C-alpha atoms as a PDB file:
ATOM      1  CA  MET A   1     -17.820  11.768  24.113  1.00  0.00           C
ATOM      2  CA  HIS A   2     -19.037   9.475  21.309  1.00  0.00           C
ATOM      3  CA  THR A   3     -20.290  10.988  18.045  1.00  0.00           C
ATOM      4  CA  GLN A   4     -22.704   9.597  15.488  1.00  0.00           C
ATOM      5  CA  HIS A   5     -22.991  11.090  12.002  1.00  0.00           C
ATOM      6  CA  PHE A   6     -25.897  10.769   9.616  1.00  0.00           C
ATOM      7  CA  THR A   7     -27.360  12.739   6.719  1.00  0.00           C
ATOM      8  CA  LEU A   8     -30.727  14.406   7.127  1.00  0.00           C
ATOM      9  CA  CYS A   9     -32.623  15.181   3.928  1.00  0.00           C
ATOM     10  CA  LEU A  10     -34.791  18.313   4.028  1.00  0.00           C
ATOM     11  CA  TYR A  11     -37.899  18.431   1.879  1.00  0.00           C
ATOM     12  CA  LEU A  12     -40.073  21.330   0.774  1.00  0.00           C
ATOM     13  CA  ILE A  13     -43.667  20.164   0.913  1.00  0.00           C
ATOM     14  CA  LEU A  14     -45.766  21.648  -1.853  1.00  0.00           C
ATOM     15  CA  GLY A  15     -49.115  20.603  -0.479  1.00  0.00           C
ATOM     16  CA  GLY A  16     -50.544  23.909   0.639  1.00  0.00           C
ATOM     17  CA  PRO A  17     -52.505  24.185   3.874  1.00  0.00           C
ATOM     18  CA  ASN A  18     -53.373  20.463   3.782  1.00  0.00           C
ATOM     19  CA  TRP A  19     -49.708  19.419   3.722  1.00  0.00           C
ATOM     20  CA  PRO A  20     -50.065  16.493   6.184  1.00  0.00           C
ATOM     21  CA  LEU A  21     -52.328  14.807   3.654  1.00  0.00           C
ATOM     22  CA  SER A  22     -50.077  15.374   0.645  1.00  0.00           C
ATOM     23  CA  LYS A  23     -48.542  12.357  -1.054  1.00  0.00           C
ATOM     24  CA  PRO A  24     -44.776  11.810  -0.965  1.00  0.00           C
ATOM     25  CA  GLU A  25     -44.594  12.373  -4.733  1.00  0.00           C
ATOM     26  CA  SER A  26     -45.474  16.020  -4.139  1.00  0.00           C
ATOM     27  CA  TRP A  27     -42.436  16.599  -1.913  1.00  0.00           C
ATOM     28  CA  THR A  28     -39.390  18.315  -3.390  1.00  0.00           C
ATOM     29  CA  ARG A  29     -35.912  17.600  -2.025  1.00  0.00           C
ATOM     30  CA  VAL A  30     -34.117  20.858  -1.348  1.00  0.00           C
ATOM     31  CA  ASP A  31     -31.007  20.123   0.729  1.00  0.00           C
ATOM     32  CA  GLU A  32     -28.955  17.717   2.828  1.00  0.00           C
ATOM     33  CA  VAL A  33     -27.279  18.489   6.110  1.00  0.00           C
ATOM     34  CA  GLU A  34     -25.003  16.414   8.302  1.00  0.00           C
ATOM     35  CA  VAL A  35     -26.189  15.974  11.868  1.00  0.00           C
ATOM     36  CA  VAL A  36     -23.780  15.005  14.640  1.00  0.00           C
ATOM     37  CA  LEU A  37     -25.180  13.406  17.785  1.00  0.00           C
ATOM     38  CA  TYR A  38     -23.118  13.374  20.965  1.00  0.00           C
ATOM     39  CA  THR A  39     -23.690  10.599  23.497  1.00  0.00           C
ATOM     40  CA  ASP A  40     -21.958   9.344  26.621  1.00  0.00           C
ATOM     41  CA  HIS A  41     -21.268   5.905  25.125  1.00  0.00           C
ATOM     42  CA  GLN A  42     -17.622   5.243  24.339  1.00  0.00           C
ATOM     43  CA  THR A  43     -16.735   3.107  21.343  1.00  0.00           C
ATOM     44  CA  VAL A  44     -15.452  -0.272  22.522  1.00  0.00           C
ATOM     45  CA  GLU A  45     -11.791  -0.687  21.655  1.00  0.00           C
ATOM     46  CA  ASP A  46     -11.032  -3.713  19.493  1.00  0.00           C
ATOM     47  CA  MET A  47      -9.045  -6.482  21.164  1.00  0.00           C
ATOM     48  CA  ASP A  48      -5.929  -7.945  19.588  1.00  0.00           C
ATOM     49  CA  ALA A  49      -5.406 -11.701  19.311  1.00  0.00           C
ATOM     50  CA  ASP A  50      -3.712 -11.990  22.705  1.00  0.00           C
ATOM     51  CA  ALA A  51      -6.557 -10.155  24.427  1.00  0.00           C
ATOM     52  CA  ILE A  52      -9.183 -12.329  22.721  1.00  0.00           C
ATOM     53  CA  ARG A  53      -7.306 -15.407  23.874  1.00  0.00           C
ATOM     54  CA  ILE A  54      -6.920 -14.163  27.457  1.00  0.00           C
ATOM     55  CA  TRP A  55     -10.510 -12.999  27.912  1.00  0.00           C
ATOM     56  CA  SER A  56     -12.040 -16.089  26.275  1.00  0.00           C
ATOM     57  CA  GLU A  57      -9.910 -18.266  28.558  1.00  0.00           C
ATOM     58  CA  ARG A  58     -11.163 -16.284  31.550  1.00  0.00           C
ATOM     59  CA  TYR A  59     -14.697 -17.004  30.353  1.00  0.00           C
ATOM     60  CA  ASP A  60     -13.931 -20.726  30.222  1.00  0.00           C
ATOM     61  CA  GLU A  61     -12.324 -20.651  33.688  1.00  0.00           C
ATOM     62  CA  ALA A  62     -15.516 -19.168  35.147  1.00  0.00           C
ATOM     63  CA  TYR A  63     -17.778 -21.436  33.074  1.00  0.00           C
ATOM     64  CA  ASP A  64     -19.919 -23.715  35.244  1.00  0.00           C
ATOM     65  CA  ASP A  65     -19.100 -27.369  34.458  1.00  0.00           C
ATOM     66  CA  ASN A  66     -22.750 -28.351  34.025  1.00  0.00           C
ATOM     67  CA  LEU A  67     -23.381 -25.473  31.631  1.00  0.00           C
ATOM     68  CA  GLN A  68     -20.248 -26.327  29.662  1.00  0.00           C
ATOM     69  CA  ALA A  69     -21.496 -29.911  29.386  1.00  0.00           C
ATOM     70  CA  ILE A  70     -24.833 -28.670  27.997  1.00  0.00           C
ATOM     71  CA  GLU A  71     -23.103 -26.590  25.327  1.00  0.00           C
ATOM     72  CA  ASN A  72     -20.839 -29.473  24.347  1.00  0.00           C
ATOM     73  CA  HIS A  73     -23.537 -32.121  24.070  1.00  0.00           C
ATOM     74  CA  ILE A  74     -25.971 -29.819  22.241  1.00  0.00           C
ATOM     75  CA  ASN A  75     -23.228 -28.952  19.727  1.00  0.00           C
ATOM     76  CA  GLU A  76     -22.419 -32.623  19.135  1.00  0.00           C
ATOM     77  CA  GLU A  77     -26.060 -33.648  18.784  1.00  0.00           C
ATOM     78  CA  LEU A  78     -26.996 -30.754  16.504  1.00  0.00           C
ATOM     79  CA  THR A  79     -24.046 -31.476  14.240  1.00  0.00           C
ATOM     80  CA  GLU A  80     -25.316 -35.012  13.776  1.00  0.00           C
ATOM     81  CA  GLN A  81     -29.088 -34.434  13.816  1.00  0.00           C
ATOM     82  CA  GLN A  82     -29.504 -31.001  12.183  1.00  0.00           C
ATOM     83  CA  TYR A  83     -32.522 -30.357  14.443  1.00  0.00           C
ATOM     84  CA  LEU A  84     -33.369 -29.971  18.143  1.00  0.00           C
ATOM     85  CA  THR A  85     -35.553 -32.269  20.191  1.00  0.00           C
ATOM     86  CA  ARG A  86     -37.776 -30.869  22.925  1.00  0.00           C
ATOM     87  CA  ASP A  87     -35.555 -32.308  25.651  1.00  0.00           C
ATOM     88  CA  GLN A  88     -32.506 -30.654  24.073  1.00  0.00           C
ATOM     89  CA  LEU A  89     -34.313 -27.327  23.770  1.00  0.00           C
ATOM     90  CA  GLU A  90     -35.235 -27.499  27.460  1.00  0.00           C
ATOM     91  CA  ASP A  91     -31.514 -27.852  28.198  1.00  0.00           C
ATOM     92  CA  VAL A  92     -30.794 -24.753  26.097  1.00  0.00           C
ATOM     93  CA  VAL A  93     -33.391 -22.791  28.092  1.00  0.00           C
ATOM     94  CA  ARG A  94     -31.864 -24.016  31.346  1.00  0.00           C
ATOM     95  CA  TRP A  95     -28.445 -22.913  30.097  1.00  0.00           C
ATOM     96  CA  LYS A  96     -29.643 -19.456  29.069  1.00  0.00           C
ATOM     97  CA  LEU A  97     -31.673 -18.763  32.204  1.00  0.00           C
ATOM     98  CA  ASN A  98     -29.465 -20.585  34.686  1.00  0.00           C
ATOM     99  CA  GLY A  99     -29.325 -17.610  37.064  1.00  0.00           C
ATOM    100  CA  MET A 100     -33.055 -16.876  36.880  1.00  0.00           C
ATOM    101  CA  PRO A 101     -34.870 -19.958  38.206  1.00  0.00           C
ATOM    102  CA  GLY A 102     -38.341 -18.420  38.072  1.00  0.00           C
ATOM    103  CA  ARG A 103     -38.096 -17.428  34.420  1.00  0.00           C
ATOM    104  CA  ARG A 104     -36.191 -20.609  33.600  1.00  0.00           C
ATOM    105  CA  GLU A 105     -38.898 -22.969  34.802  1.00  0.00           C
ATOM    106  CA  GLY A 106     -41.636 -20.800  33.319  1.00  0.00           C
ATOM    107  CA  ASN A 107     -40.013 -20.886  29.886  1.00  0.00           C
ATOM    108  CA  VAL A 108     -39.365 -24.627  30.127  1.00  0.00           C
ATOM    109  CA  ASP A 109     -43.082 -25.085  30.849  1.00  0.00           C
ATOM    110  CA  ARG A 110     -43.930 -23.005  27.768  1.00  0.00           C
ATOM    111  CA  VAL A 111     -41.629 -25.128  25.605  1.00  0.00           C
ATOM    112  CA  ARG A 112     -43.529 -28.187  26.836  1.00  0.00           C
ATOM    113  CA  THR A 113     -46.827 -26.820  25.459  1.00  0.00           C
ATOM    114  CA  VAL A 114     -45.794 -27.872  21.940  1.00  0.00           C
ATOM    115  CA  SER A 115     -44.873 -31.283  20.569  1.00  0.00           C
ATOM    116  CA  ASP A 116     -41.405 -32.671  20.065  1.00  0.00           C
ATOM    117  CA  GLU A 117     -42.162 -32.935  16.338  1.00  0.00           C
ATOM    118  CA  PHE A 118     -43.047 -29.230  16.131  1.00  0.00           C
ATOM    119  CA  ILE A 119     -39.719 -28.265  17.705  1.00  0.00           C
ATOM    120  CA  ARG A 120     -37.814 -30.603  15.399  1.00  0.00           C
ATOM    121  CA  ARG A 121     -39.475 -29.112  12.305  1.00  0.00           C
ATOM    122  CA  ILE A 122     -39.013 -25.484  13.388  1.00  0.00           C
ATOM    123  CA  SER A 123     -35.376 -25.905  14.405  1.00  0.00           C
ATOM    124  CA  GLU A 124     -34.557 -27.869  11.264  1.00  0.00           C
ATOM    125  CA  ALA A 125     -36.127 -25.136   9.117  1.00  0.00           C
ATOM    126  CA  SER A 126     -34.055 -22.450  10.860  1.00  0.00           C
ATOM    127  CA  PHE A 127     -30.815 -24.251   9.981  1.00  0.00           C
ATOM    128  CA  LEU A 128     -31.717 -24.348   6.280  1.00  0.00           C
ATOM    129  CA  VAL A 129     -31.438 -20.578   5.724  1.00  0.00           C
ATOM    130  CA  ASN A 130     -28.481 -18.207   5.973  1.00  0.00           C
ATOM    131  CA  ASP A 131     -30.323 -15.084   7.119  1.00  0.00           C
ATOM    132  CA  PRO A 132     -29.766 -14.556  10.892  1.00  0.00           C
ATOM    133  CA  THR A 133     -32.896 -12.447  11.315  1.00  0.00           C
ATOM    134  CA  VAL A 134     -35.066 -15.059   9.598  1.00  0.00           C
ATOM    135  CA  GLN A 135     -33.403 -17.788  11.651  1.00  0.00           C
ATOM    136  CA  LEU A 136     -34.148 -16.032  14.942  1.00  0.00           C
ATOM    137  CA  LYS A 137     -37.711 -15.184  13.954  1.00  0.00           C
ATOM    138  CA  THR A 138     -38.246 -18.817  12.956  1.00  0.00           C
ATOM    139  CA  LEU A 139     -36.933 -20.141  16.270  1.00  0.00           C
ATOM    140  CA  THR A 140     -38.949 -17.642  18.305  1.00  0.00           C
ATOM    141  CA  ALA A 141     -42.109 -19.215  16.893  1.00  0.00           C
ATOM    142  CA  ILE A 142     -41.519 -21.826  19.594  1.00  0.00           C
ATOM    143  CA  PRO A 143     -43.208 -20.806  22.887  1.00  0.00           C
ATOM    144  CA  GLY A 144     -40.719 -19.800  25.562  1.00  0.00           C
ATOM    145  CA  ILE A 145     -37.969 -18.918  23.088  1.00  0.00           C
ATOM    146  CA  GLY A 146     -36.943 -15.271  22.736  1.00  0.00           C
ATOM    147  CA  ALA A 147     -34.341 -13.748  20.433  1.00  0.00           C
ATOM    148  CA  ALA A 148     -31.453 -14.150  22.887  1.00  0.00           C
ATOM    149  CA  THR A 149     -32.212 -17.829  23.510  1.00  0.00           C
ATOM    150  CA  ALA A 150     -32.573 -18.372  19.776  1.00  0.00           C
ATOM    151  CA  SER A 151     -29.062 -16.967  19.308  1.00  0.00           C
ATOM    152  CA  VAL A 152     -27.814 -19.534  21.860  1.00  0.00           C
ATOM    153  CA  ILE A 153     -29.250 -22.307  19.677  1.00  0.00           C
ATOM    154  CA  LEU A 154     -27.411 -21.001  16.613  1.00  0.00           C
ATOM    155  CA  ALA A 155     -24.137 -20.503  18.509  1.00  0.00           C
ATOM    156  CA  PHE A 156     -24.301 -24.053  19.874  1.00  0.00           C
ATOM    157  CA  TYR A 157     -25.175 -25.333  16.388  1.00  0.00           C
ATOM    158  CA  ASP A 158     -22.371 -23.533  14.519  1.00  0.00           C
ATOM    159  CA  PRO A 159     -19.901 -21.705  16.804  1.00  0.00           C
ATOM    160  CA  GLU A 160     -17.667 -20.943  13.840  1.00  0.00           C
ATOM    161  CA  ASN A 161     -20.207 -18.529  12.385  1.00  0.00           C
ATOM    162  CA  TYR A 162     -22.535 -17.595  15.253  1.00  0.00           C
ATOM    163  CA  GLY A 163     -22.193 -16.044  18.700  1.00  0.00           C
ATOM    164  CA  ILE A 164     -24.636 -15.409  21.518  1.00  0.00           C
ATOM    165  CA  GLY A 165     -26.444 -12.099  21.685  1.00  0.00           C
ATOM    166  CA  ASP A 166     -28.046 -10.589  24.756  1.00  0.00           C
ATOM    167  CA  ARG A 167     -28.512  -7.277  26.584  1.00  0.00           C
ATOM    168  CA  TYR A 168     -24.854  -7.254  27.730  1.00  0.00           C
ATOM    169  CA  ILE A 169     -23.538  -7.563  24.172  1.00  0.00           C
ATOM    170  CA  ILE A 170     -26.000  -4.860  23.074  1.00  0.00           C
ATOM    171  CA  ASP A 171     -24.661  -2.568  25.783  1.00  0.00           C
ATOM    172  CA  GLU A 172     -21.025  -3.464  25.045  1.00  0.00           C
ATOM    173  CA  PHE A 173     -21.204  -2.790  21.304  1.00  0.00           C
ATOM    174  CA  PHE A 174     -23.990  -0.204  20.998  1.00  0.00           C
ATOM    175  CA  GLY A 175     -24.224   1.441  24.421  1.00  0.00           C
ATOM    176  CA  GLU A 176     -27.930   0.666  24.750  1.00  0.00           C
ATOM    177  CA  ASP A 177     -29.394  -0.809  27.930  1.00  0.00           C
ATOM    178  CA  ARG A 178     -32.167  -2.954  26.483  1.00  0.00           C
ATOM    179  CA  THR A 179     -33.073  -6.469  25.510  1.00  0.00           C
ATOM    180  CA  MET A 180     -31.884  -7.901  22.222  1.00  0.00           C
ATOM    181  CA  ARG A 181     -34.209  -7.944  19.207  1.00  0.00           C
ATOM    182  CA  ALA A 182     -34.062 -10.426  16.334  1.00  0.00           C
ATOM    183  CA  THR A 183     -33.192  -7.571  13.971  1.00  0.00           C
ATOM    184  CA  ASP A 184     -30.092  -6.777  16.080  1.00  0.00           C
ATOM    185  CA  TYR A 185     -28.528 -10.147  15.407  1.00  0.00           C
ATOM    186  CA  PRO A 186     -27.000  -9.518  11.946  1.00  0.00           C
ATOM    187  CA  THR A 187     -25.309  -6.378  13.309  1.00  0.00           C
ATOM    188  CA  ILE A 188     -23.995  -8.262  16.339  1.00  0.00           C
ATOM    189  CA  LEU A 189     -22.526 -10.967  14.095  1.00  0.00           C
ATOM    190  CA  ALA A 190     -20.964  -8.314  11.858  1.00  0.00           C
ATOM    191  CA  GLU A 191     -19.380  -6.685  14.915  1.00  0.00           C
ATOM    192  CA  LEU A 192     -17.965 -10.036  16.042  1.00  0.00           C
ATOM    193  CA  ARG A 193     -16.553 -10.753  12.582  1.00  0.00           C
ATOM    194  CA  ASN A 194     -15.053  -7.279  12.252  1.00  0.00           C
ATOM    195  CA  ARG A 195     -13.477  -7.538  15.701  1.00  0.00           C
ATOM    196  CA  ASN A 196     -11.902 -10.933  15.005  1.00  0.00           C
ATOM    197  CA  PRO A 197      -8.139 -10.292  14.821  1.00  0.00           C
ATOM    198  CA  GLY A 198      -7.237 -13.791  13.669  1.00  0.00           C
ATOM    199  CA  ASP A 199      -8.645 -17.236  13.061  1.00  0.00           C
ATOM    200  CA  PHE A 200     -10.919 -17.381  16.105  1.00  0.00           C
ATOM    201  CA  ASP A 201     -14.418 -18.714  15.710  1.00  0.00           C
ATOM    202  CA  CYS A 202     -17.305 -16.331  16.295  1.00  0.00           C
ATOM    203  CA  ARG A 203     -18.262 -17.873  19.634  1.00  0.00           C
ATOM    204  CA  THR A 204     -14.719 -17.377  20.990  1.00  0.00           C
ATOM    205  CA  VAL A 205     -14.712 -13.686  20.053  1.00  0.00           C
ATOM    206  CA  GLU A 206     -18.131 -13.283  21.669  1.00  0.00           C
ATOM    207  CA  LYS A 207     -16.888 -15.041  24.828  1.00  0.00           C
ATOM    208  CA  ALA A 208     -13.981 -12.595  25.081  1.00  0.00           C
ATOM    209  CA  TYR A 209     -16.093  -9.440  24.762  1.00  0.00           C
ATOM    210  CA  TYR A 210     -18.799 -10.864  27.020  1.00  0.00           C
ATOM    211  CA  GLN A 211     -16.347 -11.798  29.771  1.00  0.00           C
ATOM    212  CA  LYS A 212     -14.603  -8.426  29.549  1.00  0.00           C
ATOM    213  CA  TYR A 213     -17.973  -6.686  29.886  1.00  0.00           C
ATOM    214  CA  ARG A 214     -18.919  -8.801  32.914  1.00  0.00           C
ATOM    215  CA  VAL A 215     -15.672  -8.008  34.722  1.00  0.00           C
ATOM    216  CA  GLU A 216     -15.672  -4.300  33.905  1.00  0.00           C
ATOM    217  CA  ASN A 217     -19.342  -3.903  34.839  1.00  0.00           C
ATOM    218  CA  ASN A 218     -19.291  -6.247  37.838  1.00  0.00           C
ATOM    219  CA  VAL A 219     -22.007  -8.462  36.379  1.00  0.00           C
ATOM    220  CA  GLY A 220     -20.603 -11.618  37.998  1.00  0.00           C
ATOM    221  CA  ASP A 221     -20.435 -15.196  36.823  1.00  0.00           C
ATOM    222  CA  TRP A 222     -23.202 -17.704  36.224  1.00  0.00           C
END
């Protein structure tokens, strides 16, 4: 059983019968208690360097050659350009939604509703800041780009410092079966950094935990 601890502050509200309308300044703090929540989610055990190496290699062994080629060429082009073109962004969408052809083509069509120049400006702006939440929110201004796909862009741009976030990583680290939000991304990156047992880049650590999750939960390959 997994436990979560947090402090709950209790306040005495001195607002009389109309207490819901009283201002916060009229509340008096009277005590603090510790609350322990019990959930079924088990804390994911950290991998050592050998495990990171093994699981990331298993990821690469299962990696579709065409998808690997997309990641490689996007990384090379972003390093040189410092922005994405519309054609390159379409490739990122195809990479992210490879197993979901209906959504994939729908999101590619949405990307095509804006100009190449718009995508260049937005992507370039996202690379100029160091706040992951701001970066994801900037990239999601592009039609067809959600938080998870935006994290793919950043991971392809700078795999040393960024990894890919999605519902599987959310479930693996936080035990929550839901889609990823932009505000989750800093916590995901912190988890990946804290779980790095050596000199691996962030993308490699993410690959290892992602592949381990897929095998243990029978998610399957691309």
